N, C-alpha and C. Protein backbone atom coordinates (compact mmCIF):
# COMPACT_ATOMS: atom_id res chain seq x y z
N UNK A 1 0.70 -0.97 -0.09
CA UNK A 1 -0.04 0.18 0.33
C UNK A 1 0.54 1.20 -0.25
N UNK A 2 1.88 1.14 0.92
CA UNK A 2 2.92 2.57 0.76
C UNK A 2 3.46 2.50 -0.37
N UNK A 3 3.88 1.85 -0.91
CA UNK A 3 4.60 1.86 -2.28
C UNK A 3 3.74 2.47 -3.21
N UNK A 4 2.19 2.46 -3.18
CA UNK A 4 0.66 2.57 -4.26
C UNK A 4 1.16 3.81 -3.84
N UNK A 5 0.76 4.42 -2.75
CA UNK A 5 1.14 5.65 -2.24
C UNK A 5 1.84 6.65 -3.11
N UNK A 6 3.04 5.97 -2.32
CA UNK A 6 4.52 6.89 -3.36
C UNK A 6 4.26 6.71 -4.95
N UNK A 7 3.91 6.31 -5.44
CA UNK A 7 3.73 5.96 -7.02
C UNK A 7 2.42 6.96 -7.27
N UNK A 8 1.79 7.45 -6.45
CA UNK A 8 0.80 8.18 -6.68
C UNK A 8 1.30 10.05 -6.26
N UNK A 9 2.44 10.18 -5.82
CA UNK A 9 3.17 11.12 -5.24
C UNK A 9 2.86 11.61 -4.08
N UNK A 10 2.71 10.38 -3.13
CA UNK A 10 3.11 10.59 -1.46
C UNK A 10 4.52 10.76 -1.49
N UNK A 11 5.30 11.97 -0.94
CA UNK A 11 6.55 11.67 -0.78
C UNK A 11 6.67 11.08 0.65
N UNK A 12 6.01 11.10 1.66
CA UNK A 12 6.18 10.24 2.60
C UNK A 12 5.06 9.60 2.81
N UNK A 13 5.24 8.38 3.87
CA UNK A 13 4.02 7.42 4.47
C UNK A 13 4.53 7.12 5.86
N UNK A 14 3.57 7.52 6.79
CA UNK A 14 3.55 7.22 7.87
C UNK A 14 2.73 5.67 8.14
N UNK A 15 2.95 5.07 9.50
CA UNK A 15 2.41 4.42 10.00
C UNK A 15 2.01 4.51 11.19
N UNK A 16 0.52 4.56 11.88
CA UNK A 16 0.04 5.07 13.13
C UNK A 16 -0.69 3.28 13.54
N UNK A 17 -0.15 2.79 14.28
CA UNK A 17 -1.19 2.05 15.02
C UNK A 17 -1.26 2.20 16.64
N UNK A 18 -2.03 0.99 17.01
CA UNK A 18 -2.58 1.42 18.29
C UNK A 18 -1.37 -0.03 19.21
N UNK A 19 -2.01 -1.12 18.81
CA UNK A 19 -0.58 -2.20 19.62
C UNK A 19 -0.07 -2.93 18.78
N UNK A 20 1.22 -2.08 18.41
CA UNK A 20 2.09 -2.38 17.59
C UNK A 20 3.33 -3.70 18.23
N UNK A 21 2.89 -4.82 17.57
CA UNK A 21 3.60 -5.88 17.74
C UNK A 21 5.02 -5.96 17.42
N UNK A 22 5.31 -6.10 16.25
CA UNK A 22 5.83 -6.10 15.22
C UNK A 22 7.37 -7.58 15.74
N UNK A 23 6.41 -8.38 15.56
CA UNK A 23 7.23 -9.82 15.81
C UNK A 23 8.10 -10.15 15.08
N UNK A 24 8.26 -9.69 13.67
CA UNK A 24 9.03 -10.04 12.91
C UNK A 24 9.99 -8.84 12.55
N UNK A 25 10.12 -7.78 13.29
CA UNK A 25 10.91 -6.47 13.22
C UNK A 25 10.31 -5.70 12.31
N UNK A 26 11.32 -4.82 11.87
CA UNK A 26 10.79 -3.52 11.10
C UNK A 26 11.28 -3.25 9.55
N UNK A 27 12.42 -4.56 9.18
CA UNK A 27 12.59 -4.93 8.24
C UNK A 27 12.05 -4.07 6.88
N UNK A 28 10.98 -4.90 6.52
CA UNK A 28 10.50 -4.47 5.26
C UNK A 28 9.31 -3.68 5.00
N UNK A 29 9.11 -3.05 6.43
CA UNK A 29 8.33 -1.85 6.83
C UNK A 29 9.12 -0.84 6.19
N UNK A 30 10.47 -1.19 6.88
CA UNK A 30 11.25 0.22 6.12
C UNK A 30 11.91 0.75 4.95
N UNK A 31 10.84 -0.48 4.20
CA UNK A 31 11.56 -0.62 2.52
C UNK A 31 10.67 0.88 2.37
N UNK A 32 9.60 0.63 2.66
CA UNK A 32 8.39 1.68 2.03
C UNK A 32 7.75 2.89 3.00
N UNK A 33 7.67 2.56 4.28
CA UNK A 33 7.30 3.59 5.31
C UNK A 33 7.96 4.23 5.97
N UNK A 34 7.83 5.52 5.87
CA UNK A 34 9.17 6.38 6.44
C UNK A 34 9.44 6.43 8.08
N UNK A 35 8.01 6.31 8.56
CA UNK A 35 8.18 6.43 10.33
C UNK A 35 7.28 5.72 10.73
N UNK A 36 6.88 4.91 12.08
CA UNK A 36 5.82 4.38 12.86
C UNK A 36 5.62 5.23 14.04
N UNK A 37 4.33 4.91 14.36
CA UNK A 37 4.00 5.82 15.30
C UNK A 37 2.87 5.01 16.16
N UNK A 38 3.00 4.79 17.26
CA UNK A 38 2.36 3.49 17.74
C UNK A 38 2.41 3.86 19.28
N UNK A 39 1.76 3.57 20.46
CA UNK A 39 1.64 3.12 21.81
C UNK A 39 2.49 2.16 22.33
N UNK A 40 2.56 1.97 23.90
CA UNK A 40 3.50 0.98 23.96
C UNK A 40 2.35 0.03 24.64
N UNK A 41 1.42 0.31 24.38
CA UNK A 41 0.57 -0.87 25.22
C UNK A 41 0.86 -2.20 24.81
N UNK A 42 1.33 -2.79 23.72
CA UNK A 42 1.93 -4.39 23.80
C UNK A 42 3.35 -4.52 24.33
N UNK A 43 4.18 -3.48 23.85
CA UNK A 43 5.72 -3.28 24.84
C UNK A 43 6.45 -2.04 24.25
N UNK A 44 7.42 -2.28 25.20
CA UNK A 44 8.45 -0.66 24.48
C UNK A 44 9.14 -1.12 23.54
N UNK A 45 9.27 -0.52 22.71
CA UNK A 45 10.12 -0.56 21.74
C UNK A 45 11.45 0.55 21.25
N UNK A 46 12.80 0.21 21.39
CA UNK A 46 13.65 1.18 21.42
C UNK A 46 14.55 1.09 20.20
N UNK A 47 13.71 2.31 19.11
CA UNK A 47 14.37 1.89 17.72
C UNK A 47 13.93 3.38 16.91
N UNK A 48 14.96 4.18 16.84
CA UNK A 48 14.65 5.24 16.08
C UNK A 48 13.47 5.73 14.99
N UNK A 49 13.29 4.14 14.06
CA UNK A 49 12.12 4.45 13.42
C UNK A 49 11.00 4.54 14.23
N UNK A 50 10.69 4.37 15.02
CA UNK A 50 9.49 4.31 15.95
C UNK A 50 9.24 5.18 16.93
N UNK A 51 8.16 6.04 17.00
CA UNK A 51 7.89 6.81 17.68
C UNK A 51 6.83 6.08 18.56
N UNK A 52 6.55 6.24 19.70
CA UNK A 52 5.86 5.56 21.26
C UNK A 52 5.08 6.43 21.80
N UNK A 53 3.93 6.26 21.89
CA UNK A 53 3.17 7.43 23.22
C UNK A 53 2.86 6.35 23.69
N UNK A 54 3.31 6.70 25.21
CA UNK A 54 3.27 5.96 26.66
C UNK A 54 2.06 6.36 27.04
N UNK A 55 1.35 5.08 27.56
CA UNK A 55 0.03 4.93 27.99
C UNK A 55 0.55 4.57 29.79
N UNK A 56 -0.92 5.67 30.66
CA UNK A 56 0.07 5.54 31.95
C UNK A 56 -0.90 4.35 32.32
N UNK A 57 0.15 3.93 32.98
CA UNK A 57 -0.30 2.58 34.31
C UNK A 57 0.42 1.06 33.30
N UNK A 58 1.15 1.15 32.36
CA UNK A 58 1.51 0.29 32.05
C UNK A 58 3.26 0.37 32.17
């Protein structure tokens, strides 16, 4: 989907998710997505490719 958006003229594509598990890492996503935004509802992620919004009480 991100590649299709870029073919249509999008200069950047961001992924917003609520409960990001990313069990297989970010390798494939980094090929077409520019940045990921998610919460820490599943786990804390330490990667510059991801911005996490911290939920209280987790």
